[in-house]
Amino acid sequence: MPLPSANSRNQRFISSRQLLPGDWANAVNDSQGSTQTSTASTTQTQAGGTPIVNAMAVVTTANAGDAVTLPKGYVGLEILIANISANALNVFPAVGDSIGVGAANAVYSQTASRSAYYRCAKVTSAGAATWYPIVSATNN
């Protein structure tokens, strides 16, 4: 099945007899189709990391270890983070979540000048999500 065209992806929904309310469908469409451009926080902590609020984020860092924080994960959520700087980027999960085989709340260091997809593949019954990074093999 081919990918949807730009016209079909940007379709606006109106409230009517449909499974999902139009405003909800529009919000999902807007968040999936927009890119966040940010500077990572120099606070370098989970609580102080720049929050990632879009499906795609282009991030620069001033110092090695500057931080961003992923949103609360749910199964199927994917976030692309492009680290376009010459410094490593610290990526924190939301409170209680984890990245890869790391412990809950542990930082993941994303290599300088690399992109990574973070995919949430599981959530425990207690609500703790696990993100799995897929890192690009070459520089951005």
C-alpha atoms as a PDB file:
ATOM      1  CA  MET A   1       0.000   0.000   0.000  1.00  0.00           C
ATOM      2  CA  PRO A   2       1.538   3.357  -0.981  1.00  0.00           C
ATOM      3  CA  LEU A   3       2.103   6.141   1.500  1.00  0.00           C
ATOM      4  CA  PRO A   4      -0.710   8.702   1.629  1.00  0.00           C
ATOM      5  CA  SER A   5      -0.264  11.759  -0.546  1.00  0.00           C
ATOM      6  CA  ALA A   6       0.361  15.169   0.984  1.00  0.00           C
ATOM      7  CA  ASN A   7      -3.182  16.205   0.061  1.00  0.00           C
ATOM      8  CA  SER A   8      -4.791  13.293   1.875  1.00  0.00           C
ATOM      9  CA  ARG A   9      -2.536  13.725   4.907  1.00  0.00           C
ATOM     10  CA  ASN A  10      -3.453  17.375   5.266  1.00  0.00           C
ATOM     11  CA  GLN A  11      -7.163  16.738   5.021  1.00  0.00           C
ATOM     12  CA  ARG A  12      -9.134  18.588   7.671  1.00  0.00           C
ATOM     13  CA  PHE A  13     -11.882  16.798   9.526  1.00  0.00           C
ATOM     14  CA  ILE A  14     -15.178  18.248  10.612  1.00  0.00           C
ATOM     15  CA  SER A  15     -17.428  17.161  13.432  1.00  0.00           C
ATOM     16  CA  SER A  16     -20.035  14.740  12.182  1.00  0.00           C
ATOM     17  CA  ARG A  17     -20.966  11.098  12.487  1.00  0.00           C
ATOM     18  CA  GLN A  18     -17.492   9.582  12.598  1.00  0.00           C
ATOM     19  CA  LEU A  19     -15.590   7.368  14.981  1.00  0.00           C
ATOM     20  CA  LEU A  20     -13.327  10.154  16.217  1.00  0.00           C
ATOM     21  CA  PRO A  21     -14.252  13.780  16.785  1.00  0.00           C
ATOM     22  CA  GLY A  22     -12.901  16.099  14.102  1.00  0.00           C
ATOM     23  CA  ASP A  23     -10.900  18.254  16.533  1.00  0.00           C
ATOM     24  CA  TRP A  24      -9.101  15.175  17.881  1.00  0.00           C
ATOM     25  CA  ALA A  25      -8.246  13.915  14.379  1.00  0.00           C
ATOM     26  CA  ASN A  26      -7.001  17.386  13.399  1.00  0.00           C
ATOM     27  CA  ALA A  27      -4.772  17.575  16.486  1.00  0.00           C
ATOM     28  CA  VAL A  28      -3.206  14.196  15.689  1.00  0.00           C
ATOM     29  CA  ASN A  29      -2.661  15.220  12.069  1.00  0.00           C
ATOM     30  CA  ASP A  30      -1.070  18.528  13.108  1.00  0.00           C
ATOM     31  CA  SER A  31       1.312  16.933  15.631  1.00  0.00           C
ATOM     32  CA  GLN A  32       2.435  14.218  13.196  1.00  0.00           C
ATOM     33  CA  GLY A  33       3.035  16.667  10.385  1.00  0.00           C
ATOM     34  CA  SER A  34       5.033  19.325  12.173  1.00  0.00           C
ATOM     35  CA  THR A  35       8.672  19.632  13.166  1.00  0.00           C
ATOM     36  CA  GLN A  36       9.977  21.096  16.399  1.00  0.00           C
ATOM     37  CA  THR A  37      13.253  23.017  16.223  1.00  0.00           C
ATOM     38  CA  SER A  38      14.838  23.360  19.651  1.00  0.00           C
ATOM     39  CA  THR A  39      17.991  23.991  21.576  1.00  0.00           C
ATOM     40  CA  ALA A  40      18.595  21.321  24.200  1.00  0.00           C
ATOM     41  CA  SER A  41      18.433  22.500  27.799  1.00  0.00           C
ATOM     42  CA  THR A  42      21.715  23.234  29.535  1.00  0.00           C
ATOM     43  CA  THR A  43      20.122  22.021  32.788  1.00  0.00           C
ATOM     44  CA  GLN A  44      21.028  18.448  31.688  1.00  0.00           C
ATOM     45  CA  THR A  45      18.412  16.716  33.864  1.00  0.00           C
ATOM     46  CA  GLN A  46      15.212  14.789  33.214  1.00  0.00           C
ATOM     47  CA  ALA A  47      13.039  17.495  34.761  1.00  0.00           C
ATOM     48  CA  GLY A  48      15.001  20.308  33.111  1.00  0.00           C
ATOM     49  CA  GLY A  49      15.324  18.799  29.627  1.00  0.00           C
ATOM     50  CA  THR A  50      13.663  20.592  26.718  1.00  0.00           C
ATOM     51  CA  PRO A  51      10.354  18.751  26.228  1.00  0.00           C
ATOM     52  CA  ILE A  52       9.828  17.030  22.881  1.00  0.00           C
ATOM     53  CA  VAL A  53       6.256  17.836  21.822  1.00  0.00           C
ATOM     54  CA  ASN A  54       6.197  16.878  18.125  1.00  0.00           C
ATOM     55  CA  ALA A  55       6.779  13.690  16.162  1.00  0.00           C
ATOM     56  CA  MET A  56       9.931  15.221  14.661  1.00  0.00           C
ATOM     57  CA  ALA A  57      12.498  17.342  16.470  1.00  0.00           C
ATOM     58  CA  VAL A  58      15.635  18.999  15.135  1.00  0.00           C
ATOM     59  CA  VAL A  59      17.857  19.712  18.126  1.00  0.00           C
ATOM     60  CA  THR A  60      21.066  21.656  18.625  1.00  0.00           C
ATOM     61  CA  THR A  61      23.253  21.555  21.714  1.00  0.00           C
ATOM     62  CA  ALA A  62      25.647  24.130  23.099  1.00  0.00           C
ATOM     63  CA  ASN A  63      27.461  21.660  25.360  1.00  0.00           C
ATOM     64  CA  ALA A  64      27.957  17.911  25.412  1.00  0.00           C
ATOM     65  CA  GLY A  65      25.199  16.429  27.558  1.00  0.00           C
ATOM     66  CA  ASP A  66      22.548  19.118  27.050  1.00  0.00           C
ATOM     67  CA  ALA A  67      19.159  17.453  27.449  1.00  0.00           C
ATOM     68  CA  VAL A  68      15.750  16.819  25.945  1.00  0.00           C
ATOM     69  CA  THR A  69      12.901  14.809  27.486  1.00  0.00           C
ATOM     70  CA  LEU A  70      10.584  12.480  25.585  1.00  0.00           C
ATOM     71  CA  PRO A  71       6.833  12.624  26.198  1.00  0.00           C
ATOM     72  CA  LYS A  72       5.027   9.921  28.186  1.00  0.00           C
ATOM     73  CA  GLY A  73       5.137   6.845  25.979  1.00  0.00           C
ATOM     74  CA  TYR A  74       2.307   4.706  24.656  1.00  0.00           C
ATOM     75  CA  VAL A  75       2.585   1.690  22.363  1.00  0.00           C
ATOM     76  CA  GLY A  76       3.194   2.743  18.767  1.00  0.00           C
ATOM     77  CA  LEU A  77       4.355   6.294  19.469  1.00  0.00           C
ATOM     78  CA  GLU A  78       7.409   7.244  17.394  1.00  0.00           C
ATOM     79  CA  ILE A  79       9.590  10.313  17.788  1.00  0.00           C
ATOM     80  CA  LEU A  80      12.418  11.292  15.423  1.00  0.00           C
ATOM     81  CA  ILE A  81      15.177  13.362  17.004  1.00  0.00           C
ATOM     82  CA  ALA A  82      17.871  14.783  14.723  1.00  0.00           C
ATOM     83  CA  ASN A  83      20.884  15.952  16.715  1.00  0.00           C
ATOM     84  CA  ILE A  84      22.453  18.398  14.254  1.00  0.00           C
ATOM     85  CA  SER A  85      25.234  19.606  16.531  1.00  0.00           C
ATOM     86  CA  ALA A  86      28.806  18.480  17.127  1.00  0.00           C
ATOM     87  CA  ASN A  87      27.965  17.475  20.726  1.00  0.00           C
ATOM     88  CA  ALA A  88      26.301  14.390  22.178  1.00  0.00           C
ATOM     89  CA  LEU A  89      22.706  14.902  23.276  1.00  0.00           C
ATOM     90  CA  ASN A  90      21.229  13.476  26.493  1.00  0.00           C
ATOM     91  CA  VAL A  91      17.748  12.058  25.887  1.00  0.00           C
ATOM     92  CA  PHE A  92      15.642  11.368  28.958  1.00  0.00           C
ATOM     93  CA  PRO A  93      12.387   9.408  29.039  1.00  0.00           C
ATOM     94  CA  ALA A  94       9.347  10.815  30.816  1.00  0.00           C
ATOM     95  CA  VAL A  95       9.280  10.103  34.562  1.00  0.00           C
ATOM     96  CA  GLY A  96       8.899   6.356  35.161  1.00  0.00           C
ATOM     97  CA  ASP A  97       9.709   5.375  31.548  1.00  0.00           C
ATOM     98  CA  SER A  98      12.945   3.876  30.216  1.00  0.00           C
ATOM     99  CA  ILE A  99      14.989   3.873  27.008  1.00  0.00           C
ATOM    100  CA  GLY A 100      16.293   0.523  25.717  1.00  0.00           C
ATOM    101  CA  VAL A 101      17.678  -1.707  28.450  1.00  0.00           C
ATOM    102  CA  GLY A 102      18.352   1.248  30.728  1.00  0.00           C
ATOM    103  CA  ALA A 103      16.728   1.605  34.120  1.00  0.00           C
ATOM    104  CA  ALA A 104      13.641   3.734  34.620  1.00  0.00           C
ATOM    105  CA  ASN A 105      14.462   7.448  34.261  1.00  0.00           C
ATOM    106  CA  ALA A 106      18.016   6.695  33.003  1.00  0.00           C
ATOM    107  CA  VAL A 107      19.542   8.971  30.370  1.00  0.00           C
ATOM    108  CA  TYR A 108      20.396   7.806  26.841  1.00  0.00           C
ATOM    109  CA  SER A 109      23.271   9.547  25.071  1.00  0.00           C
ATOM    110  CA  GLN A 110      22.548  10.251  21.396  1.00  0.00           C
ATOM    111  CA  THR A 111      25.725  10.625  19.375  1.00  0.00           C
ATOM    112  CA  ALA A 112      26.586  13.986  17.818  1.00  0.00           C
ATOM    113  CA  SER A 113      25.348  14.597  14.265  1.00  0.00           C
ATOM    114  CA  ARG A 114      23.081  11.539  14.301  1.00  0.00           C
ATOM    115  CA  SER A 115      19.351  11.014  14.035  1.00  0.00           C
ATOM    116  CA  ALA A 116      17.407   8.470  16.034  1.00  0.00           C
ATOM    117  CA  TYR A 117      13.864   7.142  15.973  1.00  0.00           C
ATOM    118  CA  TYR A 118      12.534   6.448  19.433  1.00  0.00           C
ATOM    119  CA  ARG A 119       9.715   3.915  19.303  1.00  0.00           C
ATOM    120  CA  CYS A 120       7.595   3.008  22.291  1.00  0.00           C
ATOM    121  CA  ALA A 121       6.980  -0.732  21.993  1.00  0.00           C
ATOM    122  CA  LYS A 122       5.633  -1.674  25.382  1.00  0.00           C
ATOM    123  CA  VAL A 123       3.920  -0.294  28.446  1.00  0.00           C
ATOM    124  CA  THR A 124       3.638  -2.229  31.690  1.00  0.00           C
ATOM    125  CA  SER A 125       0.413  -2.604  33.630  1.00  0.00           C
ATOM    126  CA  ALA A 126       1.795   0.067  35.975  1.00  0.00           C
ATOM    127  CA  GLY A 127       2.071   2.498  33.025  1.00  0.00           C
ATOM    128  CA  ALA A 128       5.871   2.459  32.606  1.00  0.00           C
ATOM    129  CA  ALA A 129       6.764   2.740  28.925  1.00  0.00           C
ATOM    130  CA  THR A 130       9.907   1.441  27.236  1.00  0.00           C
ATOM    131  CA  TRP A 131      11.351   3.357  24.275  1.00  0.00           C
ATOM    132  CA  TYR A 132      13.695   1.668  21.801  1.00  0.00           C
ATOM    133  CA  PRO A 133      16.118   3.910  19.853  1.00  0.00           C
ATOM    134  CA  ILE A 134      17.024   3.184  16.230  1.00  0.00           C
ATOM    135  CA  VAL A 135      20.089   5.316  15.486  1.00  0.00           C
ATOM    136  CA  SER A 136      21.267   6.361  12.025  1.00  0.00           C
ATOM    137  CA  ALA A 137      24.498   4.767  10.871  1.00  0.00           C
ATOM    138  CA  THR A 138      25.799   7.913   9.213  1.00  0.00           C
ATOM    139  CA  ASN A 139      25.958  11.574  10.081  1.00  0.00           C
ATOM    140  CA  ASN A 140      22.942  13.827   9.384  1.00  0.00           C
END
